[in-house]
């Protein structure tokens, strides 16, 4: 009985139910045609580093990603969006699986990196990484994605990351730290934009 109620609450069987995935797809459609999506989030003050906005990506790559990831055969990027981080991941591997729930985001990604044979785009269903085989990736990367997901989705993706990683594989997963002064301020400031948004209720329409 409880399970049936939860399935109805999640809009099971309703193709128009507004989920986090559908909200992300709508965002992609509304912002298509401009600068590559993601660049608008290059705000140093929001993440607590003292660099120019156009230095955020190269700075984090130099200080965190490159030393940890090195180079490898296959990287899975969860939630590449417009390709802000994809650009620094491609040189680190021979194959980059860009996995996103938004078909529109993946279309933008293909246009941005047209002709790059290393890029493989995979559309997800919002329930995990099902199209990606067990133990098939050397590394998994996700930045500025999990902060937008309900905790159950985060937990599920972490289980999926473990499944797709080869033994000894590496994962870089970014999430906000609400225990820091800046993290708490950001968390509280985003409440009006987050509460009751993109919840999977069957009567919400995309």
Protein backbone atom coordinates (compact mmCIF):
# COMPACT_ATOMS: atom_id res chain seq x y z
CA UNK A 1 0.00 0.00 0.00
CA UNK A 2 2.72 2.47 0.99
CA UNK A 3 4.79 1.58 -2.08
CA UNK A 4 1.79 2.14 -4.37
CA UNK A 5 1.15 5.53 -2.76
CA UNK A 6 4.78 6.55 -3.23
CA UNK A 7 4.64 5.56 -6.90
CA UNK A 8 1.54 7.72 -7.40
CA UNK A 9 3.23 10.61 -5.57
CA UNK A 10 6.22 10.29 -7.90
CA UNK A 11 3.97 10.50 -10.93
CA UNK A 12 4.62 6.91 -11.93
CA UNK A 13 3.34 6.41 -15.44
CA UNK A 14 2.65 10.13 -15.98
CA UNK A 15 4.95 11.38 -18.77
CA UNK A 16 4.25 15.00 -17.79
CA UNK A 17 5.18 14.75 -14.11
CA UNK A 18 7.69 17.48 -13.27
CA UNK A 19 10.79 15.81 -11.87
CA UNK A 20 14.30 17.17 -11.30
CA UNK A 21 15.27 15.75 -14.69
CA UNK A 22 12.36 17.46 -16.44
CA UNK A 23 13.16 20.72 -14.69
CA UNK A 24 16.73 20.51 -15.97
CA UNK A 25 15.53 19.83 -19.51
CA UNK A 26 13.23 22.84 -19.33
CA UNK A 27 16.14 25.00 -18.13
CA UNK A 28 18.22 23.81 -21.09
CA UNK A 29 15.50 24.73 -23.58
CA UNK A 30 14.90 28.15 -22.03
CA UNK A 31 18.62 29.02 -22.14
CA UNK A 32 19.57 27.50 -25.48
CA UNK A 33 21.21 29.69 -28.10
CA UNK A 34 23.35 31.88 -25.83
CA UNK A 35 26.81 31.44 -24.39
CA UNK A 36 27.73 27.88 -23.33
CA UNK A 37 25.60 27.01 -20.33
CA UNK A 38 27.52 26.89 -17.07
CA UNK A 39 29.67 29.96 -17.61
CA UNK A 40 27.09 32.04 -15.72
CA UNK A 41 28.02 30.10 -12.57
CA UNK A 42 31.66 31.23 -12.60
CA UNK A 43 31.33 33.35 -9.47
CA UNK A 44 34.41 33.17 -7.21
CA UNK A 45 32.60 34.65 -4.22
CA UNK A 46 30.03 31.86 -4.36
CA UNK A 47 32.62 29.12 -3.92
CA UNK A 48 35.13 30.97 -1.77
CA UNK A 49 38.21 31.23 -4.00
CA UNK A 50 40.12 34.41 -4.80
CA UNK A 51 40.51 34.25 -8.58
CA UNK A 52 38.95 35.99 -11.57
CA UNK A 53 35.71 34.41 -12.89
CA UNK A 54 37.42 33.14 -16.04
CA UNK A 55 40.11 31.51 -13.89
CA UNK A 56 37.78 29.33 -11.80
CA UNK A 57 37.86 26.33 -14.13
CA UNK A 58 41.62 26.37 -14.85
CA UNK A 59 42.38 27.04 -11.17
CA UNK A 60 40.36 24.07 -9.94
CA UNK A 61 41.87 21.90 -12.65
CA UNK A 62 45.44 22.82 -11.67
CA UNK A 63 44.87 22.53 -7.93
CA UNK A 64 42.42 19.63 -7.64
CA UNK A 65 41.39 17.74 -10.76
CA UNK A 66 44.59 17.28 -12.77
CA UNK A 67 46.74 16.10 -9.83
CA UNK A 68 44.07 13.63 -8.71
CA UNK A 69 42.74 12.35 -12.02
CA UNK A 70 45.87 12.29 -14.13
CA UNK A 71 45.11 10.66 -17.49
CA UNK A 72 43.23 7.46 -18.19
CA UNK A 73 41.25 5.48 -20.72
CA UNK A 74 37.63 6.27 -19.79
CA UNK A 75 36.01 9.03 -17.73
CA UNK A 76 32.28 9.30 -17.02
CA UNK A 77 31.04 12.85 -16.49
CA UNK A 78 27.66 13.01 -14.75
CA UNK A 79 25.70 16.15 -15.64
CA UNK A 80 28.04 17.85 -18.15
CA UNK A 81 25.47 20.53 -18.96
CA UNK A 82 26.92 22.95 -21.49
CA UNK A 83 30.43 21.49 -21.25
CA UNK A 84 32.17 23.84 -18.82
CA UNK A 85 34.10 20.96 -17.25
CA UNK A 86 33.97 18.69 -20.29
CA UNK A 87 36.55 20.93 -21.96
CA UNK A 88 39.16 20.14 -19.30
CA UNK A 89 38.24 16.45 -19.02
CA UNK A 90 38.58 15.55 -22.69
CA UNK A 91 42.41 15.91 -22.75
CA UNK A 92 42.65 13.61 -19.71
CA UNK A 93 41.18 10.51 -21.38
CA UNK A 94 40.78 8.56 -24.59
CA UNK A 95 37.01 8.35 -24.11
CA UNK A 96 34.69 10.68 -22.19
CA UNK A 97 31.16 9.44 -21.54
CA UNK A 98 29.05 12.55 -20.99
CA UNK A 99 25.90 11.37 -19.19
CA UNK A 100 23.00 13.77 -18.72
CA UNK A 101 19.23 13.53 -18.25
CA UNK A 102 18.63 16.42 -20.67
CA UNK A 103 18.57 15.66 -24.39
CA UNK A 104 18.86 19.40 -25.07
CA UNK A 105 22.01 19.67 -22.97
CA UNK A 106 23.56 16.75 -24.83
CA UNK A 107 22.69 18.38 -28.16
CA UNK A 108 24.51 21.55 -27.04
CA UNK A 109 27.46 19.44 -25.98
CA UNK A 110 27.68 17.71 -29.36
CA UNK A 111 27.65 21.08 -31.12
CA UNK A 112 30.30 22.54 -28.83
CA UNK A 113 32.67 19.60 -29.28
CA UNK A 114 31.69 18.62 -32.82
CA UNK A 115 34.25 16.34 -34.42
CA UNK A 116 35.88 15.23 -31.16
CA UNK A 117 35.81 11.44 -31.37
CA UNK A 118 36.60 11.09 -27.67
CA UNK A 119 33.16 12.35 -26.65
CA UNK A 120 30.33 9.84 -26.20
CA UNK A 121 26.97 11.34 -25.16
CA UNK A 122 24.59 9.17 -23.13
CA UNK A 123 21.08 10.21 -22.15
CA UNK A 124 20.06 9.09 -18.65
CA UNK A 125 16.57 8.45 -17.30
CA UNK A 126 17.17 10.17 -13.94
CA UNK A 127 17.21 6.82 -12.13
CA UNK A 128 20.93 6.09 -12.39
CA UNK A 129 23.66 5.21 -14.87
CA UNK A 130 21.97 2.19 -16.45
CA UNK A 131 23.42 2.67 -19.98
CA UNK A 132 26.97 2.45 -18.58
CA UNK A 133 28.37 -1.03 -17.97
CA UNK A 134 29.69 -2.33 -14.68
CA UNK A 135 33.39 -1.71 -14.01
CA UNK A 136 33.83 0.15 -17.31
CA UNK A 137 35.23 3.53 -16.15
CA UNK A 138 38.60 4.54 -14.76
CA UNK A 139 37.16 7.74 -13.28
CA UNK A 140 33.84 9.46 -12.62
CA UNK A 141 33.50 13.24 -12.43
CA UNK A 142 30.59 15.43 -11.37
CA UNK A 143 30.80 19.10 -10.40
CA UNK A 144 27.94 21.51 -9.56
CA UNK A 145 25.38 18.75 -10.10
CA UNK A 146 24.65 16.93 -6.86
CA UNK A 147 23.98 20.20 -5.02
CA UNK A 148 20.77 20.41 -7.08
CA UNK A 149 19.54 16.88 -6.37
CA UNK A 150 17.42 15.45 -3.52
CA UNK A 151 19.48 13.38 -1.10
CA UNK A 152 17.93 10.13 -2.30
CA UNK A 153 19.12 10.84 -5.85
CA UNK A 154 22.60 11.65 -4.55
CA UNK A 155 22.72 8.38 -2.62
CA UNK A 156 21.56 6.44 -5.66
CA UNK A 157 24.16 8.03 -7.94
CA UNK A 158 26.90 7.25 -5.43
CA UNK A 159 25.88 3.59 -5.56
CA UNK A 160 25.90 3.76 -9.35
CA UNK A 161 29.33 5.39 -9.38
CA UNK A 162 30.68 2.49 -7.37
CA UNK A 163 29.13 0.08 -9.86
CA UNK A 164 30.60 1.63 -13.02
CA UNK A 165 34.09 2.23 -11.63
CA UNK A 166 36.81 -0.33 -12.25
CA UNK A 167 38.69 -1.58 -9.17
CA UNK A 168 41.02 1.21 -8.11
CA UNK A 169 39.01 3.80 -10.07
CA UNK A 170 38.75 7.42 -8.93
CA UNK A 171 35.79 9.72 -8.42
CA UNK A 172 35.61 13.50 -8.14
CA UNK A 173 32.18 14.48 -6.83
CA UNK A 174 31.45 18.04 -5.75
CA UNK A 175 28.84 18.89 -3.13
CA UNK A 176 28.22 21.93 -0.97
CA UNK A 177 29.49 22.04 2.60
CA UNK A 178 26.73 23.57 4.70
CA UNK A 179 28.95 23.38 7.80
CA UNK A 180 31.17 26.18 6.50
CA UNK A 181 30.16 29.83 6.90
CA UNK A 182 29.92 30.34 3.14
CA UNK A 183 28.14 27.03 2.57
CA UNK A 184 25.50 27.81 5.18
CA UNK A 185 24.94 31.30 3.76
CA UNK A 186 24.47 29.84 0.27
CA UNK A 187 22.14 27.13 1.60
CA UNK A 188 19.89 29.61 3.41
CA UNK A 189 19.94 32.04 0.48
CA UNK A 190 18.74 29.38 -1.94
CA UNK A 191 15.75 28.25 0.14
CA UNK A 192 13.23 30.47 -1.74
CA UNK A 193 14.41 29.03 -5.07
CA UNK A 194 14.53 25.41 -3.91
CA UNK A 195 11.64 24.60 -1.59
CA UNK A 196 8.90 22.66 -3.38
CA UNK A 197 10.65 22.96 -6.75
CA UNK A 198 11.03 20.08 -9.20
CA UNK A 199 9.34 17.71 -6.81
CA UNK A 200 7.88 14.64 -8.59
CA UNK A 201 4.22 15.41 -7.97
CA UNK A 202 1.85 14.05 -10.62
CA UNK A 203 -0.18 17.26 -10.87
CA UNK A 204 2.84 19.43 -11.71
CA UNK A 205 3.31 20.05 -15.41
CA UNK A 206 6.54 20.86 -17.22
